[in-house]
Amino acid sequence: MAEMTVDLVAVERKLWSGQASFVSAQTTEGQIGIMAGHEPLLGQLVEGGTVSIVSTEGERIVAAVHGGFFSVTADTVRVLAESADLSGEVDVDAARKVLADTSASEVATRVAQAQVRAVEAAAKH
């Protein structure tokens, strides 16, 4: 199986780094799936989106990301998010409270939506 080096980094910390067989990200152009050998590209992550990584060991890493970019070469993927939360770190109850709060800011709502989507996506597998 072909593999690539993947780094998932937010402004404040590195969330995950390792070898992976597949990366999926929500971009401003739509959902994209990346495997080793992909054509080089630079993409913009959506505000309040998710990134999924399948490690070479079969582990699925899902993160809620808020803005940023990713770059792809034939053997590397770098995800550089403005902010990000791994699905296992999300306080789902707190995120759902933000979604229920009609006075929450648009940014807070998008972050909470991404957090809930990341947790739900991780639970599917």
N, C-alpha and C. Protein backbone atom coordinates (compact mmCIF):
# COMPACT_ATOMS: atom_id res chain seq x y z
N MET A 1 0.84 -1.18 0.00
CA MET A 1 0.00 0.00 0.00
C MET A 1 0.89 1.24 0.00
N ALA A 2 0.60 2.18 -0.87
CA ALA A 2 1.36 3.43 -0.93
C ALA A 2 1.04 4.27 0.30
N GLU A 3 2.04 4.98 0.76
CA GLU A 3 1.83 5.81 1.94
C GLU A 3 2.44 7.18 1.72
N MET A 4 2.03 8.10 2.57
CA MET A 4 2.53 9.47 2.51
C MET A 4 2.69 9.99 3.93
N THR A 5 3.52 10.98 4.09
CA THR A 5 3.70 11.63 5.38
C THR A 5 2.66 12.73 5.51
N VAL A 6 1.96 12.72 6.65
CA VAL A 6 0.90 13.71 6.87
C VAL A 6 1.17 14.44 8.19
N ASP A 7 1.02 15.76 8.15
CA ASP A 7 1.10 16.59 9.34
C ASP A 7 -0.19 17.39 9.44
N LEU A 8 -0.84 17.32 10.59
CA LEU A 8 -2.04 18.11 10.88
C LEU A 8 -1.65 19.08 11.98
N VAL A 9 -1.58 20.36 11.63
CA VAL A 9 -1.06 21.37 12.53
C VAL A 9 -2.04 22.53 12.62
N ALA A 10 -2.28 23.00 13.85
CA ALA A 10 -3.05 24.22 14.07
C ALA A 10 -2.06 25.29 14.53
N VAL A 11 -2.49 26.52 14.56
CA VAL A 11 -1.61 27.61 14.96
C VAL A 11 -0.97 27.32 16.32
N GLU A 12 -1.76 26.78 17.24
CA GLU A 12 -1.28 26.60 18.61
C GLU A 12 -0.56 25.28 18.88
N ARG A 13 -0.69 24.27 17.98
CA ARG A 13 -0.05 22.98 18.27
C ARG A 13 -0.11 22.02 17.08
N LYS A 14 0.74 20.99 17.16
CA LYS A 14 0.67 19.91 16.18
C LYS A 14 -0.30 18.88 16.73
N LEU A 15 -1.33 18.52 15.95
CA LEU A 15 -2.34 17.58 16.41
C LEU A 15 -1.98 16.14 16.06
N TRP A 16 -1.41 15.93 14.88
CA TRP A 16 -1.07 14.56 14.48
C TRP A 16 0.00 14.62 13.39
N SER A 17 0.88 13.64 13.42
CA SER A 17 1.90 13.52 12.39
C SER A 17 2.22 12.05 12.22
N GLY A 18 2.32 11.59 11.00
CA GLY A 18 2.64 10.19 10.78
C GLY A 18 2.46 9.78 9.34
N GLN A 19 2.47 8.47 9.13
CA GLN A 19 2.29 7.90 7.80
C GLN A 19 0.81 7.57 7.60
N ALA A 20 0.30 7.89 6.44
CA ALA A 20 -1.12 7.67 6.16
C ALA A 20 -1.29 7.15 4.74
N SER A 21 -2.44 6.51 4.52
CA SER A 21 -2.77 6.01 3.19
C SER A 21 -3.82 6.88 2.51
N PHE A 22 -4.54 7.71 3.30
CA PHE A 22 -5.61 8.52 2.73
C PHE A 22 -5.88 9.74 3.60
N VAL A 23 -6.17 10.88 2.97
CA VAL A 23 -6.57 12.10 3.65
C VAL A 23 -7.77 12.67 2.92
N SER A 24 -8.77 13.10 3.68
CA SER A 24 -9.95 13.73 3.11
C SER A 24 -10.13 15.07 3.81
N ALA A 25 -10.44 16.11 3.02
CA ALA A 25 -10.62 17.44 3.60
C ALA A 25 -11.74 18.18 2.90
N GLN A 26 -12.41 19.05 3.66
CA GLN A 26 -13.44 19.91 3.10
C GLN A 26 -12.75 21.22 2.71
N THR A 27 -12.83 21.54 1.43
CA THR A 27 -12.18 22.75 0.92
C THR A 27 -13.22 23.71 0.38
N THR A 28 -12.76 24.90 0.05
CA THR A 28 -13.67 25.90 -0.52
C THR A 28 -14.16 25.47 -1.90
N GLU A 29 -13.49 24.49 -2.51
CA GLU A 29 -13.89 23.97 -3.81
C GLU A 29 -14.70 22.68 -3.70
N GLY A 30 -14.84 22.15 -2.48
CA GLY A 30 -15.57 20.90 -2.26
C GLY A 30 -14.71 19.90 -1.51
N GLN A 31 -15.26 18.72 -1.30
CA GLN A 31 -14.57 17.64 -0.60
C GLN A 31 -13.47 17.07 -1.50
N ILE A 32 -12.29 16.80 -0.92
CA ILE A 32 -11.20 16.23 -1.71
C ILE A 32 -10.61 15.04 -0.96
N GLY A 33 -10.28 14.01 -1.70
CA GLY A 33 -9.61 12.84 -1.15
C GLY A 33 -8.22 12.75 -1.76
N ILE A 34 -7.23 12.46 -0.93
CA ILE A 34 -5.84 12.46 -1.38
C ILE A 34 -5.19 11.15 -1.00
N MET A 35 -4.53 10.54 -1.99
CA MET A 35 -3.74 9.33 -1.76
C MET A 35 -2.31 9.61 -2.19
N ALA A 36 -1.38 8.75 -1.79
CA ALA A 36 0.01 8.92 -2.19
C ALA A 36 0.10 8.99 -3.71
N GLY A 37 0.98 9.84 -4.20
CA GLY A 37 1.14 10.01 -5.63
C GLY A 37 0.22 11.06 -6.24
N HIS A 38 -0.57 11.73 -5.38
CA HIS A 38 -1.50 12.76 -5.88
C HIS A 38 -0.71 13.90 -6.52
N GLU A 39 -1.31 14.53 -7.49
CA GLU A 39 -0.70 15.70 -8.12
C GLU A 39 -0.52 16.79 -7.06
N PRO A 40 0.56 17.55 -7.12
CA PRO A 40 0.76 18.65 -6.17
C PRO A 40 -0.38 19.67 -6.27
N LEU A 41 -0.79 20.17 -5.13
CA LEU A 41 -1.81 21.22 -5.11
C LEU A 41 -1.78 21.95 -3.79
N LEU A 42 -2.39 23.10 -3.79
CA LEU A 42 -2.56 23.91 -2.59
C LEU A 42 -4.05 24.20 -2.50
N GLY A 43 -4.65 23.98 -1.34
CA GLY A 43 -6.08 24.20 -1.20
C GLY A 43 -6.41 24.99 0.05
N GLN A 44 -7.56 25.61 0.06
CA GLN A 44 -8.04 26.37 1.21
C GLN A 44 -9.10 25.57 1.92
N LEU A 45 -8.93 25.39 3.23
CA LEU A 45 -9.91 24.67 4.04
C LEU A 45 -11.11 25.57 4.32
N VAL A 46 -12.28 24.95 4.41
CA VAL A 46 -13.48 25.73 4.72
C VAL A 46 -13.47 26.11 6.20
N GLU A 47 -14.19 27.18 6.49
CA GLU A 47 -14.40 27.56 7.88
C GLU A 47 -15.38 26.56 8.48
N GLY A 48 -15.02 25.90 9.56
CA GLY A 48 -15.91 24.94 10.19
C GLY A 48 -16.01 23.63 9.44
N GLY A 49 -14.91 23.14 8.90
CA GLY A 49 -14.91 21.87 8.17
C GLY A 49 -14.26 20.75 8.96
N THR A 50 -14.06 19.63 8.30
CA THR A 50 -13.40 18.49 8.93
C THR A 50 -12.30 17.96 8.02
N VAL A 51 -11.33 17.32 8.66
CA VAL A 51 -10.26 16.61 7.96
C VAL A 51 -10.22 15.21 8.53
N SER A 52 -10.15 14.20 7.66
CA SER A 52 -10.04 12.80 8.09
C SER A 52 -8.75 12.23 7.53
N ILE A 53 -8.06 11.46 8.37
CA ILE A 53 -6.81 10.82 7.98
C ILE A 53 -6.94 9.34 8.29
N VAL A 54 -6.53 8.49 7.37
CA VAL A 54 -6.46 7.06 7.63
C VAL A 54 -4.97 6.71 7.68
N SER A 55 -4.51 6.34 8.88
CA SER A 55 -3.09 6.01 9.05
C SER A 55 -2.79 4.68 8.38
N THR A 56 -1.52 4.41 8.17
CA THR A 56 -1.13 3.15 7.55
C THR A 56 -1.46 1.96 8.45
N GLU A 57 -1.68 2.20 9.75
CA GLU A 57 -2.10 1.14 10.68
C GLU A 57 -3.61 0.95 10.68
N GLY A 58 -4.33 1.75 9.89
CA GLY A 58 -5.78 1.63 9.82
C GLY A 58 -6.53 2.51 10.79
N GLU A 59 -5.83 3.29 11.61
CA GLU A 59 -6.48 4.20 12.55
C GLU A 59 -7.10 5.35 11.77
N ARG A 60 -8.29 5.78 12.18
CA ARG A 60 -8.94 6.93 11.54
C ARG A 60 -8.89 8.11 12.48
N ILE A 61 -8.25 9.19 12.03
CA ILE A 61 -8.12 10.42 12.81
C ILE A 61 -9.04 11.44 12.17
N VAL A 62 -9.94 12.01 12.96
CA VAL A 62 -10.87 13.02 12.44
C VAL A 62 -10.70 14.28 13.28
N ALA A 63 -10.62 15.42 12.60
CA ALA A 63 -10.47 16.70 13.30
C ALA A 63 -11.43 17.73 12.74
N ALA A 64 -11.94 18.55 13.64
CA ALA A 64 -12.71 19.73 13.23
C ALA A 64 -11.69 20.83 12.97
N VAL A 65 -11.76 21.45 11.82
CA VAL A 65 -10.81 22.52 11.49
C VAL A 65 -11.57 23.79 11.14
N HIS A 66 -10.94 24.90 11.47
CA HIS A 66 -11.57 26.18 11.18
C HIS A 66 -10.58 27.02 10.37
N GLY A 67 -10.77 26.97 9.07
CA GLY A 67 -9.93 27.76 8.18
C GLY A 67 -8.52 27.22 8.05
N GLY A 68 -7.78 27.78 7.15
CA GLY A 68 -6.41 27.39 6.92
C GLY A 68 -6.21 26.84 5.52
N PHE A 69 -5.09 26.15 5.34
CA PHE A 69 -4.70 25.65 4.03
C PHE A 69 -4.14 24.25 4.15
N PHE A 70 -4.02 23.59 3.01
CA PHE A 70 -3.28 22.33 2.98
C PHE A 70 -2.47 22.32 1.70
N SER A 71 -1.33 21.64 1.78
CA SER A 71 -0.49 21.50 0.60
C SER A 71 -0.23 20.02 0.38
N VAL A 72 -0.16 19.64 -0.88
CA VAL A 72 0.02 18.25 -1.25
C VAL A 72 1.18 18.15 -2.23
N THR A 73 2.07 17.18 -1.98
CA THR A 73 3.07 16.77 -2.96
C THR A 73 2.83 15.28 -3.18
N ALA A 74 3.65 14.65 -3.99
CA ALA A 74 3.46 13.23 -4.28
C ALA A 74 3.52 12.36 -3.04
N ASP A 75 4.27 12.79 -2.01
CA ASP A 75 4.42 11.93 -0.82
C ASP A 75 4.20 12.65 0.51
N THR A 76 3.65 13.87 0.49
CA THR A 76 3.36 14.58 1.74
C THR A 76 2.05 15.35 1.64
N VAL A 77 1.39 15.45 2.78
CA VAL A 77 0.22 16.33 2.93
C VAL A 77 0.44 17.12 4.21
N ARG A 78 0.36 18.42 4.11
CA ARG A 78 0.48 19.30 5.27
C ARG A 78 -0.84 20.05 5.41
N VAL A 79 -1.51 19.86 6.54
CA VAL A 79 -2.75 20.56 6.84
C VAL A 79 -2.41 21.62 7.88
N LEU A 80 -2.59 22.88 7.50
CA LEU A 80 -2.24 24.01 8.36
C LEU A 80 -3.51 24.78 8.68
N ALA A 81 -4.12 24.46 9.81
CA ALA A 81 -5.41 25.05 10.19
C ALA A 81 -5.22 26.24 11.12
N GLU A 82 -6.14 27.19 11.03
CA GLU A 82 -6.12 28.30 11.97
C GLU A 82 -6.39 27.79 13.38
N SER A 83 -7.36 26.89 13.50
CA SER A 83 -7.62 26.20 14.77
C SER A 83 -8.17 24.82 14.43
N ALA A 84 -7.97 23.88 15.33
CA ALA A 84 -8.44 22.51 15.08
C ALA A 84 -8.60 21.77 16.40
N ASP A 85 -9.51 20.80 16.39
CA ASP A 85 -9.75 19.93 17.54
C ASP A 85 -9.88 18.51 17.04
N LEU A 86 -9.12 17.59 17.64
CA LEU A 86 -9.31 16.18 17.34
C LEU A 86 -10.67 15.75 17.87
N SER A 87 -11.34 14.85 17.18
CA SER A 87 -12.70 14.45 17.58
C SER A 87 -12.76 13.95 19.01
N GLY A 88 -11.72 13.25 19.47
CA GLY A 88 -11.71 12.72 20.83
C GLY A 88 -11.55 13.77 21.91
N GLU A 89 -11.19 14.98 21.53
CA GLU A 89 -11.00 16.07 22.49
C GLU A 89 -12.20 17.00 22.59
N VAL A 90 -13.20 16.79 21.75
CA VAL A 90 -14.34 17.69 21.67
C VAL A 90 -15.32 17.43 22.81
N ASP A 91 -15.77 18.50 23.45
CA ASP A 91 -16.84 18.44 24.43
C ASP A 91 -18.15 18.62 23.65
N VAL A 92 -18.78 17.50 23.29
CA VAL A 92 -19.95 17.54 22.43
C VAL A 92 -21.10 18.30 23.07
N ASP A 93 -21.29 18.13 24.37
CA ASP A 93 -22.38 18.84 25.04
C ASP A 93 -22.19 20.34 24.95
N ALA A 94 -20.96 20.81 25.15
CA ALA A 94 -20.68 22.24 25.05
C ALA A 94 -20.90 22.74 23.62
N ALA A 95 -20.48 21.95 22.64
CA ALA A 95 -20.67 22.35 21.24
C ALA A 95 -22.16 22.44 20.92
N ARG A 96 -22.94 21.49 21.40
CA ARG A 96 -24.39 21.51 21.13
C ARG A 96 -25.07 22.69 21.82
N LYS A 97 -24.56 23.09 22.99
CA LYS A 97 -25.11 24.27 23.67
C LYS A 97 -24.86 25.53 22.83
N VAL A 98 -23.68 25.62 22.23
CA VAL A 98 -23.38 26.76 21.36
C VAL A 98 -24.35 26.76 20.18
N LEU A 99 -24.60 25.59 19.59
CA LEU A 99 -25.51 25.51 18.45
C LEU A 99 -26.94 25.90 18.83
N ALA A 100 -27.33 25.63 20.07
CA ALA A 100 -28.68 25.95 20.52
C ALA A 100 -28.81 27.42 20.93
N ASP A 101 -27.69 28.09 21.14
CA ASP A 101 -27.69 29.48 21.60
C ASP A 101 -27.86 30.42 20.41
N THR A 102 -29.01 31.04 20.31
CA THR A 102 -29.29 31.91 19.17
C THR A 102 -28.44 33.19 19.19
N SER A 103 -27.83 33.50 20.31
CA SER A 103 -27.00 34.70 20.39
C SER A 103 -25.52 34.40 20.13
N ALA A 104 -25.18 33.13 19.86
CA ALA A 104 -23.78 32.77 19.59
C ALA A 104 -23.32 33.41 18.29
N SER A 105 -22.06 33.78 18.26
CA SER A 105 -21.52 34.40 17.05
C SER A 105 -21.48 33.39 15.90
N GLU A 106 -21.37 33.92 14.69
CA GLU A 106 -21.31 33.06 13.51
C GLU A 106 -20.06 32.17 13.56
N VAL A 107 -18.95 32.74 14.01
CA VAL A 107 -17.70 31.97 14.11
C VAL A 107 -17.85 30.85 15.13
N ALA A 108 -18.41 31.16 16.31
CA ALA A 108 -18.60 30.13 17.34
C ALA A 108 -19.52 29.03 16.84
N THR A 109 -20.55 29.40 16.10
CA THR A 109 -21.49 28.42 15.56
C THR A 109 -20.80 27.51 14.56
N ARG A 110 -19.98 28.07 13.66
CA ARG A 110 -19.26 27.24 12.68
C ARG A 110 -18.28 26.29 13.36
N VAL A 111 -17.58 26.78 14.37
CA VAL A 111 -16.64 25.92 15.10
C VAL A 111 -17.40 24.78 15.75
N ALA A 112 -18.51 25.08 16.41
CA ALA A 112 -19.31 24.05 17.08
C ALA A 112 -19.87 23.04 16.08
N GLN A 113 -20.33 23.52 14.92
CA GLN A 113 -20.84 22.61 13.88
C GLN A 113 -19.74 21.64 13.44
N ALA A 114 -18.55 22.16 13.22
CA ALA A 114 -17.43 21.31 12.80
C ALA A 114 -17.08 20.30 13.87
N GLN A 115 -17.10 20.73 15.12
CA GLN A 115 -16.78 19.81 16.22
C GLN A 115 -17.78 18.66 16.28
N VAL A 116 -19.05 18.96 16.17
CA VAL A 116 -20.08 17.92 16.21
C VAL A 116 -19.93 16.99 15.00
N ARG A 117 -19.69 17.55 13.80
CA ARG A 117 -19.50 16.72 12.60
C ARG A 117 -18.29 15.81 12.75
N ALA A 118 -17.21 16.32 13.33
CA ALA A 118 -16.00 15.50 13.51
C ALA A 118 -16.28 14.33 14.45
N VAL A 119 -16.97 14.59 15.53
CA VAL A 119 -17.31 13.52 16.48
C VAL A 119 -18.22 12.49 15.81
N GLU A 120 -19.21 12.95 15.08
CA GLU A 120 -20.12 12.04 14.40
C GLU A 120 -19.40 11.22 13.33
N ALA A 121 -18.49 11.84 12.59
CA ALA A 121 -17.74 11.13 11.56
C ALA A 121 -16.82 10.07 12.19
N ALA A 122 -16.21 10.40 13.30
CA ALA A 122 -15.34 9.43 13.99
C ALA A 122 -16.15 8.25 14.54
N ALA A 123 -17.37 8.52 14.97
CA ALA A 123 -18.22 7.48 15.55
C ALA A 123 -18.72 6.49 14.49
N LYS A 124 -18.75 6.90 13.23
CA LYS A 124 -19.23 6.02 12.15
C LYS A 124 -18.27 4.88 11.87
N HIS A 125 -17.03 5.03 12.30
CA HIS A 125 -16.04 4.00 11.98
C HIS A 125 -15.45 3.38 13.19
